[in-house]
Protein backbone atom coordinates (compact mmCIF):
# COMPACT_ATOMS: atom_id res chain seq x y z
CA MET A 1 -9.14 19.16 90.34
CA LYS A 2 -10.87 17.15 87.57
CA SER A 3 -12.78 14.08 88.42
CA ARG A 4 -11.92 10.67 86.98
CA ILE A 5 -14.87 10.95 84.59
CA GLU A 6 -13.66 14.35 83.30
CA LEU A 7 -10.13 13.00 82.90
CA ASN A 8 -11.44 10.05 80.91
CA GLU A 9 -13.48 12.37 78.74
CA ASP A 10 -10.40 14.53 78.02
CA LYS A 11 -8.36 11.43 77.17
CA GLN A 12 -11.11 10.20 74.85
CA LYS A 13 -11.16 13.60 73.14
CA ASP A 14 -7.39 13.39 72.58
CA ILE A 15 -7.80 9.91 71.15
CA ASP A 16 -10.60 11.12 68.86
CA ARG A 17 -8.49 14.06 67.69
CA GLU A 18 -5.57 11.73 66.90
CA LYS A 19 -7.87 9.42 64.98
CA GLN A 20 -9.33 12.35 63.08
CA ALA A 21 -5.84 13.66 62.31
CA THR A 22 -4.81 10.20 61.06
CA VAL A 23 -7.90 9.98 58.85
CA VAL A 24 -7.22 13.46 57.43
CA LYS A 25 -3.58 12.51 56.73
CA LYS A 26 -4.70 9.38 54.89
CA ILE A 27 -7.20 11.37 52.84
CA VAL A 28 -4.60 14.03 51.98
CA LYS A 29 -2.08 11.31 51.10
CA ARG A 30 -4.56 9.61 48.79
CA ILE A 31 -5.43 12.93 47.15
CA VAL A 32 -1.74 13.75 46.62
CA ILE A 33 -1.05 10.26 45.18
CA SER A 34 -4.09 10.56 42.89
CA ILE A 35 -2.93 13.97 41.67
CA ILE A 36 0.56 12.59 40.99
CA ILE A 37 -0.87 9.59 39.10
CA ILE A 38 -3.18 11.82 37.04
CA PHE A 39 -0.29 14.17 36.30
CA LEU A 40 1.93 11.28 35.19
CA LEU A 41 -0.84 9.84 33.02
CA VAL A 42 -1.45 13.20 31.38
CA PHE A 43 2.29 13.78 30.96
CA PHE A 44 3.03 10.39 29.39
CA THR A 45 -0.10 10.56 27.23
CA PHE A 46 0.99 13.97 25.99
CA LEU A 47 4.53 12.65 25.46
CA TYR A 48 3.23 9.70 23.45
CA ILE A 49 0.82 11.55 21.17
CA THR A 50 3.20 14.46 20.49
CA LYS A 51 6.58 12.67 20.46
CA ILE A 52 6.55 8.87 20.36
CA GLY A 53 3.33 8.71 18.35
CA THR A 54 4.65 11.18 15.77
CA THR A 55 8.30 10.12 15.51
CA SER A 56 8.48 6.36 16.10
CA LEU A 57 8.57 4.89 12.59
CA ILE A 58 6.89 1.62 11.58
CA VAL A 59 7.83 -0.35 8.45
CA ASN A 60 4.89 -2.42 7.21
CA GLU A 61 6.16 -5.42 5.24
CA GLU A 62 3.81 -7.22 2.86
CA ALA A 63 4.29 -10.11 0.42
CA ILE A 64 2.27 -9.82 -2.79
CA VAL A 65 1.81 -12.81 -5.08
CA ASN A 66 0.41 -12.47 -8.59
CA ASN A 67 0.83 -14.77 -11.59
CA LYS A 68 0.64 -11.78 -13.96
CA LEU A 69 3.99 -10.58 -12.67
CA PRO A 70 6.76 -11.28 -15.21
CA GLU A 71 9.32 -13.84 -14.07
CA SER A 72 12.07 -11.20 -14.25
CA PHE A 73 10.20 -9.15 -11.61
CA SER A 74 9.65 -11.99 -9.16
CA GLY A 75 11.35 -10.85 -5.97
CA LEU A 76 10.84 -7.16 -6.77
CA LYS A 77 11.23 -4.96 -3.68
CA VAL A 78 9.02 -1.86 -3.64
CA ILE A 79 9.00 0.95 -1.09
CA GLN A 80 6.02 3.27 -0.76
CA PHE A 81 6.23 6.39 1.38
CA GLY A 82 4.34 9.65 1.44
CA ASP A 83 2.84 12.54 3.41
CA LEU A 84 6.25 13.62 4.63
CA HIS A 85 5.05 17.17 5.42
CA TYR A 86 8.72 17.87 6.04
CA SER A 87 9.55 19.54 9.35
CA ASN A 88 11.51 16.94 11.33
CA ASN A 89 14.94 16.12 9.88
CA THR A 90 15.62 13.45 12.49
CA LEU A 91 12.49 11.57 11.45
CA LEU A 92 13.45 11.98 7.79
CA LYS A 93 16.85 10.44 8.53
CA ASP A 94 15.07 7.46 10.11
CA VAL A 95 12.90 7.10 7.00
CA VAL A 96 15.87 7.29 4.63
CA SER A 97 17.79 4.78 6.74
CA ALA A 98 14.84 2.37 6.81
CA ILE A 99 14.49 2.60 3.03
CA THR A 100 18.14 2.31 2.06
CA LYS A 101 18.83 -0.70 4.31
CA ARG A 102 16.19 -2.65 2.36
CA ASN A 103 17.87 -2.03 -1.02
CA PRO A 104 14.61 -1.39 -2.91
CA ASP A 105 14.21 -1.94 -6.64
CA LEU A 106 11.47 0.67 -6.91
CA ILE A 107 10.72 3.70 -4.71
CA LEU A 108 7.26 5.27 -4.95
CA PHE A 109 6.33 8.56 -3.27
CA THR A 110 2.58 9.14 -3.00
CA GLY A 111 2.48 12.89 -2.39
CA ASP A 112 2.71 15.75 0.13
CA LEU A 113 6.43 16.38 0.44
CA LEU A 114 6.19 19.69 2.27
CA SER A 115 4.09 21.22 5.01
CA ASN A 116 2.16 24.44 4.46
CA GLU A 117 5.07 26.50 5.81
CA ASP A 118 7.79 27.89 3.56
CA LEU A 119 11.16 26.12 3.70
CA THR A 120 14.22 28.03 4.84
CA PRO A 121 17.30 27.60 2.63
CA GLY A 122 18.89 25.52 5.40
CA SER A 123 15.88 23.22 5.69
CA ARG A 124 15.72 22.79 1.94
CA LYS A 125 19.36 21.79 1.82
CA LYS A 126 18.86 19.21 4.59
CA LEU A 127 15.79 17.78 2.85
CA VAL A 128 17.55 17.50 -0.51
CA ASN A 129 20.67 15.96 1.04
CA GLU A 130 18.59 13.19 2.64
CA LEU A 131 16.35 12.47 -0.36
CA LYS A 132 19.38 12.19 -2.63
CA LYS A 133 20.56 9.25 -0.51
CA LEU A 134 17.59 7.22 -1.69
CA ASP A 135 18.59 4.80 -4.42
CA SER A 136 16.82 2.03 -6.31
CA THR A 137 17.65 -0.22 -9.22
CA LEU A 138 14.58 0.57 -11.34
CA GLY A 139 13.90 4.19 -10.46
CA LYS A 140 12.16 6.62 -8.14
CA TYR A 141 8.70 7.89 -9.01
CA ALA A 142 6.31 10.35 -7.41
CA VAL A 143 2.82 11.78 -7.67
CA LEU A 144 1.75 15.12 -6.25
CA GLY A 145 -0.31 15.87 -3.15
CA GLU A 146 -2.25 19.03 -2.37
CA THR A 147 0.71 20.62 -0.53
CA ASP A 148 3.16 19.98 -3.37
CA ASN A 149 3.86 23.42 -4.83
CA ASP A 150 6.50 24.40 -7.39
CA GLU A 151 9.23 24.15 -4.75
CA ALA A 152 8.22 20.59 -3.88
CA ILE A 153 8.25 19.65 -7.57
CA SER A 154 11.70 21.21 -7.96
CA ILE A 155 13.03 19.27 -4.94
CA LEU A 156 11.62 15.95 -6.16
CA VAL A 157 13.14 16.44 -9.61
CA ASP A 158 16.48 17.56 -8.13
CA CYS A 159 16.52 14.36 -6.06
CA GLY A 160 16.00 12.11 -9.07
CA PHE A 161 12.26 11.42 -8.86
CA THR A 162 10.20 11.11 -12.02
CA ILE A 163 6.84 12.80 -11.46
CA LEU A 164 3.91 10.98 -13.05
CA ASP A 165 1.21 13.53 -13.82
CA ASP A 166 -1.68 11.55 -15.31
CA SER A 167 0.93 9.52 -17.14
CA ASN A 168 2.59 6.11 -17.10
CA GLU A 169 5.84 4.33 -17.71
CA LEU A 170 6.68 0.81 -18.77
CA ILE A 171 9.41 -0.57 -16.54
CA TYR A 172 11.70 -3.33 -17.76
CA ASN A 173 13.94 -5.61 -15.76
CA GLU A 174 16.32 -7.77 -17.80
CA SER A 175 13.59 -8.97 -20.17
CA ASN A 176 11.27 -7.62 -22.85
CA GLU A 177 8.22 -8.17 -20.63
CA PRO A 178 7.50 -5.00 -18.61
CA ILE A 179 5.22 -3.91 -15.81
CA MET A 180 3.24 -0.67 -16.08
CA LEU A 181 3.40 2.12 -13.51
CA VAL A 182 0.58 4.68 -13.66
CA GLY A 183 0.58 7.95 -11.73
CA LEU A 184 -2.54 10.08 -11.21
CA ASN A 185 -2.66 13.73 -10.17
CA THR A 186 -5.61 13.86 -7.77
CA ASN A 187 -5.16 17.62 -7.41
CA ASN A 188 -6.67 18.09 -10.88
CA ASP A 189 -10.36 18.89 -11.08
CA THR A 190 -10.60 16.37 -13.89
CA ILE A 191 -8.12 13.52 -14.15
CA ASP A 192 -7.24 12.52 -17.70
CA TYR A 193 -7.61 8.77 -17.27
CA ASN A 194 -7.27 8.10 -21.00
CA LYS A 195 -3.88 9.81 -20.97
CA ALA A 196 -2.83 8.21 -17.69
CA PHE A 197 -3.70 4.69 -18.86
CA ALA A 198 -2.57 5.15 -22.46
CA ASN A 199 -1.43 1.82 -23.95
CA TYR A 200 -2.93 0.00 -20.98
CA ASN A 201 -3.13 -3.75 -21.42
CA ASP A 202 -4.91 -5.85 -18.82
CA ALA A 203 -2.40 -8.64 -19.41
CA THR A 204 0.39 -6.38 -18.09
CA TYR A 205 0.95 -6.23 -14.34
CA THR A 206 -0.07 -2.67 -13.40
CA ILE A 207 0.74 -0.55 -10.36
CA THR A 208 -1.18 2.71 -9.93
CA ILE A 209 -0.06 5.40 -7.50
CA PHE A 210 -2.09 8.44 -6.48
CA HIS A 211 -2.52 10.66 -3.45
CA LYS A 212 -6.18 10.81 -2.40
CA PRO A 213 -7.55 7.30 -1.81
CA ASP A 214 -11.24 7.85 -2.55
CA TYR A 215 -10.35 8.46 -6.22
CA ILE A 216 -9.88 4.72 -6.67
CA ASP A 217 -13.63 4.41 -7.29
CA GLU A 218 -13.29 6.54 -10.43
CA PHE A 219 -11.05 4.11 -12.34
CA ILE A 220 -11.18 0.71 -10.68
CA GLY A 221 -14.15 -0.39 -12.78
CA SER A 222 -12.47 0.50 -16.08
CA TYR A 223 -8.91 -0.69 -15.51
CA LYS A 224 -7.80 -3.95 -13.92
CA VAL A 225 -5.14 -2.50 -11.67
CA ASP A 226 -3.21 -5.15 -9.78
CA LEU A 227 -1.69 -2.95 -7.07
CA ALA A 228 -2.99 0.49 -6.04
CA LEU A 229 -1.09 2.74 -3.63
CA ALA A 230 -2.31 5.98 -2.04
CA GLY A 231 -1.77 8.20 0.99
CA HIS A 232 -3.35 11.44 2.23
CA SER A 233 -5.54 9.98 4.99
CA HIS A 234 -2.72 9.50 7.55
CA LEU A 235 -4.92 6.52 8.43
CA GLY A 236 -7.12 8.96 10.30
CA GLU A 237 -4.20 10.49 12.25
CA ILE A 238 -6.26 10.29 15.45
CA ARG A 239 -7.68 6.77 15.62
CA ILE A 240 -9.72 5.89 18.69
CA PRO A 241 -11.58 2.57 18.54
CA TYR A 242 -15.39 2.78 18.22
CA LEU A 243 -15.30 6.55 17.72
CA VAL A 244 -15.59 8.50 14.49
CA ASN A 245 -12.48 9.73 12.70
CA LEU A 246 -11.42 12.84 14.62
CA ALA A 247 -9.25 14.22 11.80
CA PRO A 248 -11.25 13.69 8.60
CA LYS A 249 -9.80 14.67 5.21
CA ASP A 250 -11.46 15.40 1.92
CA ASN A 251 -11.36 12.45 -0.50
CA ALA A 252 -10.23 10.14 2.30
CA SER A 253 -13.51 9.48 4.04
CA LYS A 254 -14.37 6.13 2.46
CA TYR A 255 -10.91 4.57 2.45
CA ILE A 256 -8.96 5.38 5.65
CA ASN A 257 -7.64 1.97 6.67
CA SER A 258 -4.30 0.56 5.58
CA TYR A 259 -5.56 -2.17 3.24
CA TYR A 260 -8.51 -3.05 1.03
CA GLU A 261 -9.07 -5.66 -1.62
CA ILE A 262 -11.41 -4.50 -4.37
CA ASN A 263 -12.17 -7.30 -6.79
CA ASN A 264 -8.63 -8.44 -7.68
CA THR A 265 -6.94 -5.14 -6.80
CA LYS A 266 -4.79 -4.96 -3.70
CA PHE A 267 -5.11 -1.42 -2.36
CA TYR A 268 -2.66 -0.14 0.26
CA ILE A 269 -2.79 3.27 1.94
CA THR A 270 0.32 4.45 3.71
CA GLY A 271 -0.01 6.00 7.17
CA GLY A 272 2.38 8.74 6.10
CA ILE A 273 5.23 10.27 8.04
CA GLY A 274 4.44 13.84 9.08
CA THR A 275 1.35 15.58 10.41
CA ASP A 276 -0.75 18.43 9.11
CA THR A 277 -4.25 18.66 10.64
CA TYR A 278 -2.94 18.32 14.20
CA ASP A 279 0.62 17.87 15.38
CA VAL A 280 -0.33 14.58 17.04
CA ARG A 281 -0.86 10.96 16.10
CA ILE A 282 -2.93 8.54 18.14
CA ASN A 283 -2.88 4.88 17.10
CA ALA A 284 -1.55 5.97 13.70
CA ARG A 285 2.23 6.11 13.99
CA PRO A 286 4.42 7.27 11.08
CA SER A 287 4.91 4.43 8.63
CA ILE A 288 6.19 3.34 5.24
CA ASN A 289 5.19 0.29 3.21
CA PHE A 290 7.66 -2.33 1.98
CA PHE A 291 6.36 -4.83 -0.58
CA ARG A 292 7.98 -7.99 -1.90
CA LEU A 293 6.38 -9.03 -5.17
CA ARG A 294 6.50 -12.65 -6.31
CA LYS A 295 5.09 -14.51 -9.28
CA THR A 296 4.28 -17.66 -7.31
CA THR A 297 4.28 -18.68 -3.66
């Protein structure tokens, strides 16, 4: 028979074991909760950068005031979109819907209609059907990006876009005072600026569209462009504050933000719609630009 001391020692051991078991349970519980939290964080981060971050469209609206604008163009509504890299028809439908509901006067596409993969006949038909829904009072114009092959050109033309290849057009709107639209082909080794800006007059309000933003430095000193629009950079595609651009592109290393003012030129770079370097977007959601131009405030 155990003595009282031995019985007390056994009871104390049982108590210690229960305490130890409780501590272990708490530790295991905390580990399990931590694993669940980490899993959820990873899951929702992955969901955001691959789904929400790449399919949730933003429409950037900007008011632009310039006294050079003819009175007949005051109130002009301009849509800029680009870098479609077509692969997601649902996202394209969202883009087309966002554009058409704003009843634009001018639609400007700044390059890269297709991805690097060949289109199936079914995908081509869907793409054409959507782009044909785009309508504007003063026309639809496009410049070419590096992924725009002969098929992309054919689709743009079939859908009513005029392709500006180092060329320009004077656009009129119920008066004999036009604005000038210049389109540059930044895929060319040498851009023919004399041809592109033929008949340029610095008294005429001028919009210049091109694909690769860093090319602006080649002409901005020679021509007083009022509004410059480009794409290509995807605004970095993976934008993490205080870190370097994780998805750099050629000819988009100097100008990767959405807006710059260079002398008197307002320079906007669209974030684009699709992806190409990586199938993710971080802090650079798909976007289009919507401008309202006015002569006075």
